[in-house]
């Protein structure tokens, strides 16, 4: 399928062109060429750049802006062109978009090339005089995300292109398009625990030091913690053990080392640093160590004019009053919230990351109309 589409292309054609570009994370090259062509045809000034080094880079990113009159308001659309690996067993090729009945199939159809296509179509007939619109698009949201949206934010600040509002096109809808939008997210921290012991024969335990015993004590103390009961906007924070190993193939040997990994999803009653310190203190009491990697902090875009604007657009097109939610995993909104107020809204997420990912064509068309309403209201 050709990567070139006209400025009057339908959202379906735009989505098909993007899906046809293989872009397993980190996405590079062809898929960015395709989006650049779509935006350039609408008068956007496009900047593409590569950031970072191995092991988490390099990462390709795109910032496109169509400036309105001096002093006009600025709405940013944000998202990602990378997709998760398609896996085996697709009915048709994952990067061969196919219309079957009322659905469009292909990897990225909902997460989130479909939403990006809807964003492009939404601004196609809005004149530049209405205000400034930009696209903040990374090739690494599904991966480590160290050199993607973070680098784009740095570029926007350097260019003094800070938006007034930011809308992320993640697939937030659950049962019907429009039933959920995200006004915040919980934070995330992963912590690696390690306990060193002294290897020895199981028949002579007094000559050894079993690290598993101390690791189990650490985990038991951590499991007993109730972090909180949730808040008005967030569910309760939770700590989960995600890996436990000592790598010991022998039945008669006390191992020299044992390790575990934790994942904590936390609300705005906590910070990643505070939770990491708390786990580290418990580990140290039992002779262990803890190494933390904070993926993002909890945040909330206080419901107000922005959420009301989006809710009105959704209800006008779908008849649904959306739920304002902070559920689910992390997204790049965790970075964008430092740039401007940010809300996430997009397609139904039932098939994201699954085999035979698909979007309802009617939902794509409705999403265009919703995004168009938001642009006009945000720039007014």
Protein backbone atom coordinates (compact mmCIF):
# COMPACT_ATOMS: atom_id res chain seq x y z
CA UNK A 1 0.00 0.00 0.00
CA UNK A 2 1.27 3.47 -0.85
CA UNK A 3 2.42 5.65 2.01
CA UNK A 4 1.22 8.76 0.15
CA UNK A 5 -2.29 10.00 0.85
CA UNK A 6 -3.96 13.19 -0.26
CA UNK A 7 -4.91 16.05 2.04
CA UNK A 8 -8.55 15.09 1.51
CA UNK A 9 -8.08 11.41 2.41
CA UNK A 10 -10.62 9.79 4.71
CA UNK A 11 -9.69 8.74 8.21
CA UNK A 12 -9.92 5.14 7.02
CA UNK A 13 -7.35 5.73 4.30
CA UNK A 14 -5.07 7.59 6.73
CA UNK A 15 -5.28 4.75 9.25
CA UNK A 16 -4.63 2.11 6.60
CA UNK A 17 -1.55 3.96 5.39
CA UNK A 18 -0.11 4.09 8.92
CA UNK A 19 -0.96 0.46 9.72
CA UNK A 20 0.74 -0.65 6.50
CA UNK A 21 4.08 0.61 7.86
CA UNK A 22 5.62 -2.04 10.16
CA UNK A 23 6.62 -0.21 13.33
CA UNK A 24 7.35 -2.60 16.18
CA UNK A 25 8.85 -0.57 19.01
CA UNK A 26 11.06 1.37 18.61
CA UNK A 27 9.42 2.64 15.42
CA UNK A 28 11.58 4.38 12.82
CA UNK A 29 11.61 5.43 9.21
CA UNK A 30 8.68 4.48 7.01
CA UNK A 31 5.85 5.11 9.46
CA UNK A 32 7.27 8.56 10.26
CA UNK A 33 7.60 9.27 6.54
CA UNK A 34 3.93 8.44 6.19
CA UNK A 35 2.75 10.67 9.02
CA UNK A 36 5.05 13.50 7.94
CA UNK A 37 3.50 13.38 4.49
CA UNK A 38 -0.01 13.49 5.92
CA UNK A 39 0.77 16.51 8.11
CA UNK A 40 2.89 18.40 5.60
CA UNK A 41 -0.05 18.26 3.17
CA UNK A 42 -2.08 20.15 5.79
CA UNK A 43 0.49 22.90 6.22
CA UNK A 44 2.28 21.60 9.31
CA UNK A 45 5.94 22.37 9.90
CA UNK A 46 7.45 18.99 10.74
CA UNK A 47 10.56 18.37 12.84
CA UNK A 48 11.93 14.83 13.10
CA UNK A 49 14.88 13.86 15.25
CA UNK A 50 16.55 10.89 16.88
CA UNK A 51 17.39 10.88 20.59
CA UNK A 52 19.32 8.62 22.95
CA UNK A 53 21.79 5.80 22.71
CA UNK A 54 21.74 2.06 23.39
CA UNK A 55 20.43 0.22 25.26
CA UNK A 56 17.22 2.31 25.39
CA UNK A 57 17.85 4.29 22.21
CA UNK A 58 18.14 5.59 19.61
CA UNK A 59 14.49 6.67 19.34
CA UNK A 60 12.86 8.55 16.47
CA UNK A 61 10.38 11.32 17.32
CA UNK A 62 8.24 13.83 15.43
CA UNK A 63 6.97 17.27 16.39
CA UNK A 64 4.69 19.04 13.94
CA UNK A 65 3.10 22.45 14.41
CA UNK A 66 0.75 24.64 12.44
CA UNK A 67 0.83 28.03 14.10
CA UNK A 68 -2.15 30.30 14.38
CA UNK A 69 -2.12 34.07 14.84
CA UNK A 70 0.22 35.51 17.48
CA UNK A 71 -1.21 34.96 20.94
CA UNK A 72 -3.69 32.32 19.83
CA UNK A 73 -4.34 29.24 21.94
CA UNK A 74 -2.40 26.03 21.36
CA UNK A 75 -3.79 22.48 21.49
CA UNK A 76 -1.35 19.55 21.27
CA UNK A 77 -2.31 16.08 20.12
CA UNK A 78 0.06 13.43 21.50
CA UNK A 79 0.61 9.76 20.78
CA UNK A 80 2.91 7.05 19.51
CA UNK A 81 3.52 5.26 16.22
CA UNK A 82 5.27 2.23 17.70
CA UNK A 83 3.32 -0.97 18.29
CA UNK A 84 3.91 -4.15 20.26
CA UNK A 85 5.11 -7.24 18.36
CA UNK A 86 2.17 -8.80 16.50
CA UNK A 87 2.81 -12.42 17.40
CA UNK A 88 1.58 -15.39 15.39
CA UNK A 89 -1.80 -16.58 14.18
CA UNK A 90 -3.32 -13.47 12.57
CA UNK A 91 -6.19 -14.07 10.15
CA UNK A 92 -4.54 -11.60 7.78
CA UNK A 93 -1.11 -9.99 7.92
CA UNK A 94 -0.74 -7.67 10.93
CA UNK A 95 0.71 -4.92 8.72
CA UNK A 96 -1.65 -5.57 5.80
CA UNK A 97 -4.68 -3.52 6.82
CA UNK A 98 -7.87 -5.29 5.86
CA UNK A 99 -11.48 -4.17 5.95
CA UNK A 100 -13.79 -7.02 6.89
CA UNK A 101 -17.38 -6.05 7.43
CA UNK A 102 -17.58 -3.06 9.76
CA UNK A 103 -14.04 -3.45 11.10
CA UNK A 104 -10.52 -2.46 10.06
CA UNK A 105 -7.91 -5.01 11.10
CA UNK A 106 -4.20 -4.47 11.66
CA UNK A 107 -1.61 -4.01 14.37
CA UNK A 108 -2.03 -0.50 15.75
CA UNK A 109 -5.64 -0.12 14.61
CA UNK A 110 -6.63 0.98 18.11
CA UNK A 111 -3.26 1.41 19.87
CA UNK A 112 -2.86 3.90 18.44
CA UNK A 113 -2.52 4.53 14.73
CA UNK A 114 -6.28 4.75 14.40
CA UNK A 115 -6.40 7.61 16.89
CA UNK A 116 -3.52 9.42 15.18
CA UNK A 117 -5.32 9.12 11.85
CA UNK A 118 -8.43 10.59 13.51
CA UNK A 119 -6.38 13.49 14.85
CA UNK A 120 -5.01 14.25 11.38
CA UNK A 121 -8.46 14.04 9.79
CA UNK A 122 -9.93 16.21 12.55
CA UNK A 123 -7.67 19.17 11.76
CA UNK A 124 -7.81 18.82 7.97
CA UNK A 125 -10.63 21.31 7.48
CA UNK A 126 -9.85 23.62 10.40
CA UNK A 127 -8.13 26.79 9.16
CA UNK A 128 -4.78 27.81 10.62
CA UNK A 129 -6.37 31.10 11.65
CA UNK A 130 -8.34 29.21 14.31
CA UNK A 131 -5.23 28.76 16.45
CA UNK A 132 -2.11 26.65 16.92
CA UNK A 133 -2.27 22.86 16.70
CA UNK A 134 0.66 20.52 17.18
CA UNK A 135 1.40 16.79 17.06
CA UNK A 136 3.74 15.26 19.64
CA UNK A 137 4.51 11.77 18.33
CA UNK A 138 7.11 9.27 19.54
CA UNK A 139 8.36 5.95 18.24
CA UNK A 140 8.94 4.51 21.72
CA UNK A 141 5.94 4.45 24.05
CA UNK A 142 5.59 0.69 24.20
CA UNK A 143 9.27 0.29 25.10
CA UNK A 144 11.55 1.90 27.72
CA UNK A 145 10.21 5.39 26.84
CA UNK A 146 13.39 7.14 28.00
CA UNK A 147 14.09 9.08 24.81
CA UNK A 148 10.63 9.53 23.36
CA UNK A 149 8.07 11.93 24.77
CA UNK A 150 10.59 13.20 27.32
CA UNK A 151 12.86 14.36 24.47
CA UNK A 152 9.88 15.86 22.64
CA UNK A 153 8.99 17.91 25.71
CA UNK A 154 12.55 19.22 25.86
CA UNK A 155 12.31 20.23 22.19
CA UNK A 156 8.98 21.99 22.67
CA UNK A 157 10.32 23.98 25.59
CA UNK A 158 13.42 24.89 23.60
CA UNK A 159 11.21 26.08 20.73
CA UNK A 160 8.86 27.85 23.16
CA UNK A 161 5.96 25.84 21.76
CA UNK A 162 4.31 24.95 25.08
CA UNK A 163 0.64 24.07 24.54
CA UNK A 164 -2.28 25.29 26.61
CA UNK A 165 -3.87 21.82 26.57
CA UNK A 166 -2.76 18.35 25.52
CA UNK A 167 -4.97 15.47 24.36
CA UNK A 168 -3.44 11.98 24.21
CA UNK A 169 -5.13 9.49 21.89
CA UNK A 170 -4.67 6.33 23.96
CA UNK A 171 -7.51 3.79 23.61
CA UNK A 172 -9.42 4.64 26.80
CA UNK A 173 -12.93 3.50 25.82
CA UNK A 174 -14.01 0.15 27.24
CA UNK A 175 -17.41 -1.07 26.06
CA UNK A 176 -18.43 1.75 23.71
CA UNK A 177 -16.59 4.66 22.18
CA UNK A 178 -16.88 7.53 24.63
CA UNK A 179 -17.58 5.68 27.86
CA UNK A 180 -14.22 6.45 29.55
CA UNK A 181 -11.62 9.18 29.42
CA UNK A 182 -8.52 9.34 31.61
CA UNK A 183 -7.87 12.41 33.76
CA UNK A 184 -4.91 10.88 35.59
CA UNK A 185 -2.84 7.78 36.12
CA UNK A 186 -1.30 5.96 39.03
CA UNK A 187 2.46 6.00 39.37
CA UNK A 188 4.68 2.98 38.82
CA UNK A 189 7.91 1.78 40.39
CA UNK A 190 9.74 -1.52 39.87
CA UNK A 191 12.13 -2.68 42.58
CA UNK A 192 14.76 -5.42 42.40
CA UNK A 193 15.54 -7.11 45.74
CA UNK A 194 18.71 -9.10 46.35
CA UNK A 195 20.00 -11.01 49.37
CA UNK A 196 23.54 -12.40 49.56
CA UNK A 197 24.15 -15.52 51.62
CA UNK A 198 26.83 -18.17 52.04
CA UNK A 199 26.56 -21.28 49.90
CA UNK A 200 26.80 -24.60 51.70
CA UNK A 201 25.60 -28.18 52.05
CA UNK A 202 22.00 -28.54 53.27
CA UNK A 203 23.15 -31.14 55.83
CA UNK A 204 25.47 -28.56 57.43
CA UNK A 205 23.31 -25.42 57.64
CA UNK A 206 25.45 -23.98 60.45
CA UNK A 207 28.26 -23.59 57.94
CA UNK A 208 26.07 -21.66 55.48
CA UNK A 209 23.74 -18.66 55.40
CA UNK A 210 20.50 -19.25 53.51
CA UNK A 211 19.52 -16.04 51.65
CA UNK A 212 16.09 -17.44 50.79
CA UNK A 213 15.03 -17.33 54.43
CA UNK A 214 15.84 -13.64 54.68
CA UNK A 215 14.29 -12.85 51.32
CA UNK A 216 11.06 -14.55 52.40
CA UNK A 217 11.10 -12.43 55.57
CA UNK A 218 11.45 -9.28 53.45
CA UNK A 219 8.59 -10.30 51.20
CA UNK A 220 6.37 -11.25 54.12
CA UNK A 221 6.88 -7.84 55.70
CA UNK A 222 6.17 -6.11 52.41
CA UNK A 223 3.04 -8.20 51.75
CA UNK A 224 1.65 -7.21 55.15
CA UNK A 225 1.72 -3.50 54.27
CA UNK A 226 -1.57 -1.78 53.39
CA UNK A 227 -0.37 1.22 51.43
CA UNK A 228 -3.73 3.02 51.46
CA UNK A 229 -7.45 2.55 50.88
CA UNK A 230 -7.63 4.68 47.75
CA UNK A 231 -8.82 8.26 47.29
CA UNK A 232 -11.72 10.06 45.66
CA UNK A 233 -10.02 9.78 42.25
CA UNK A 234 -7.67 6.81 42.62
CA UNK A 235 -8.01 3.15 43.48
CA UNK A 236 -5.89 1.74 46.28
CA UNK A 237 -2.15 1.42 45.68
CA UNK A 238 -0.93 -2.16 45.30
CA UNK A 239 2.40 -3.94 45.68
CA UNK A 240 2.90 -7.17 43.73
CA UNK A 241 5.80 -9.64 43.62
CA UNK A 242 6.53 -10.23 39.93
CA UNK A 243 9.58 -12.49 40.07
CA UNK A 244 11.33 -14.74 42.60
CA UNK A 245 14.48 -16.73 41.91
CA UNK A 246 17.70 -18.12 43.30
CA UNK A 247 18.88 -20.01 40.22
CA UNK A 248 19.81 -23.12 42.19
CA UNK A 249 19.74 -26.38 40.17
CA UNK A 250 20.90 -28.59 43.06
CA UNK A 251 18.66 -30.15 45.72
CA UNK A 252 21.37 -30.46 48.35
CA UNK A 253 22.92 -26.98 48.18
CA UNK A 254 21.99 -23.85 50.08
CA UNK A 255 22.31 -21.10 47.45
CA UNK A 256 24.60 -18.09 47.72
CA UNK A 257 22.06 -15.54 46.50
CA UNK A 258 18.31 -15.03 46.18
CA UNK A 259 16.44 -12.26 44.40
CA UNK A 260 12.95 -10.98 43.75
CA UNK A 261 11.25 -8.20 41.83
CA UNK A 262 8.34 -6.01 42.90
CA UNK A 263 5.98 -3.74 41.02
CA UNK A 264 4.11 -1.03 42.90
CA UNK A 265 1.28 0.94 41.29
CA UNK A 266 0.55 3.89 43.53
CA UNK A 267 -1.85 6.80 43.78
CA UNK A 268 -1.16 10.43 44.62
CA UNK A 269 -0.81 9.71 48.34
CA UNK A 270 2.71 8.50 47.58
CA UNK A 271 5.78 9.24 45.50
CA UNK A 272 8.06 6.75 43.82
CA UNK A 273 10.99 7.94 45.92
CA UNK A 274 9.13 7.53 49.20
CA UNK A 275 8.00 3.99 48.35
CA UNK A 276 11.47 3.01 47.13
CA UNK A 277 12.99 4.25 50.35
CA UNK A 278 10.42 2.34 52.42
CA UNK A 279 11.15 -0.93 50.61
CA UNK A 280 14.90 -0.34 50.87
CA UNK A 281 14.69 0.14 54.64
CA UNK A 282 12.84 -3.16 55.05
CA UNK A 283 15.32 -4.97 52.83
CA UNK A 284 18.30 -3.58 54.72
CA UNK A 285 16.86 -4.72 58.06
CA UNK A 286 17.06 -8.28 56.76
CA UNK A 287 20.46 -7.90 55.15
CA UNK A 288 19.23 -7.32 51.63
CA UNK A 289 19.43 -4.53 49.06
CA UNK A 290 16.82 -2.84 46.89
CA UNK A 291 17.28 -1.13 43.52
CA UNK A 292 14.35 0.93 42.25
CA UNK A 293 13.39 2.26 38.82
CA UNK A 294 10.55 4.79 38.88
CA UNK A 295 8.56 4.72 35.65
CA UNK A 296 6.31 7.64 36.55
CA UNK A 297 4.57 9.50 39.33
CA UNK A 298 0.84 9.57 39.96
CA UNK A 299 -0.93 12.61 38.60
CA UNK A 300 -4.42 14.07 38.26
CA UNK A 301 -5.65 16.71 35.86
CA UNK A 302 -8.29 18.28 38.07
CA UNK A 303 -11.71 18.01 36.45
CA UNK A 304 -12.74 21.40 35.15
CA UNK A 305 -13.02 23.30 31.89
CA UNK A 306 -10.85 20.90 29.85
CA UNK A 307 -12.60 17.70 30.95
CA UNK A 308 -16.00 19.37 30.55
CA UNK A 309 -15.06 20.45 27.01
CA UNK A 310 -14.08 16.91 26.06
CA UNK A 311 -17.10 15.35 27.77
CA UNK A 312 -19.43 17.70 25.88
CA UNK A 313 -17.82 16.76 22.56
CA UNK A 314 -18.10 13.04 23.35
CA UNK A 315 -21.73 13.27 24.44
CA UNK A 316 -22.66 15.36 21.41
CA UNK A 317 -21.39 12.64 19.05
CA UNK A 318 -22.14 9.45 20.99
CA UNK A 319 -24.90 10.31 23.44
CA UNK A 320 -22.68 9.00 26.25
CA UNK A 321 -21.57 10.93 29.32
CA UNK A 322 -18.02 9.59 29.79
CA UNK A 323 -16.65 8.34 33.08
CA UNK A 324 -13.62 10.30 34.31
CA UNK A 325 -11.11 7.64 35.29
CA UNK A 326 -7.54 7.18 36.53
CA UNK A 327 -7.49 3.40 36.11
CA UNK A 328 -5.16 1.26 34.03
CA UNK A 329 -1.43 1.24 33.50
CA UNK A 330 0.95 4.05 32.66
CA UNK A 331 1.09 6.11 29.49
CA UNK A 332 3.17 9.01 28.20
CA UNK A 333 0.65 11.34 29.83
CA UNK A 334 2.85 10.85 32.90
CA UNK A 335 5.46 13.03 31.15
CA UNK A 336 3.15 15.42 29.33
CA UNK A 337 1.45 16.51 32.56
CA UNK A 338 4.62 18.51 33.28
CA UNK A 339 4.04 20.47 30.05
CA UNK A 340 0.34 21.34 30.30
CA UNK A 341 -3.00 19.95 31.50
CA UNK A 342 -3.41 16.55 29.83
CA UNK A 343 -6.35 14.20 29.27
CA UNK A 344 -6.44 10.89 27.40
CA UNK A 345 -9.26 9.79 25.15
CA UNK A 346 -9.45 7.38 22.27
CA UNK A 347 -10.87 4.19 20.78
CA UNK A 348 -12.18 1.02 22.43
CA UNK A 349 -9.33 -0.98 23.93
CA UNK A 350 -10.75 -4.52 23.82
CA UNK A 351 -8.32 -5.74 21.12
CA UNK A 352 -5.20 -3.68 21.88
CA UNK A 353 -2.04 -5.80 22.02
CA UNK A 354 -4.08 -8.83 20.89
CA UNK A 355 -3.99 -10.95 17.77
CA UNK A 356 -6.39 -9.61 15.08
CA UNK A 357 -6.46 -6.12 16.62
CA UNK A 358 -9.38 -4.25 15.03
CA UNK A 359 -11.28 -0.98 15.15
CA UNK A 360 -14.87 -0.30 14.21
CA UNK A 361 -14.85 1.94 11.14
CA UNK A 362 -17.81 3.87 12.55
CA UNK A 363 -15.79 4.56 15.70
CA UNK A 364 -12.93 5.98 13.66
CA UNK A 365 -15.32 8.34 11.92
CA UNK A 366 -16.99 9.35 15.19
CA UNK A 367 -13.60 9.96 16.80
CA UNK A 368 -12.74 12.42 14.02
CA UNK A 369 -15.88 14.39 14.81
CA UNK A 370 -15.16 14.36 18.56
CA UNK A 371 -11.57 15.52 18.07
CA UNK A 372 -12.73 18.24 15.66
CA UNK A 373 -15.18 19.56 18.27
CA UNK A 374 -12.39 19.58 20.86
CA UNK A 375 -10.02 21.49 18.56
CA UNK A 376 -12.61 24.16 17.85
CA UNK A 377 -13.55 24.52 21.52
CA UNK A 378 -9.94 24.48 22.77
CA UNK A 379 -8.83 27.17 20.34
CA UNK A 380 -11.87 29.43 20.80
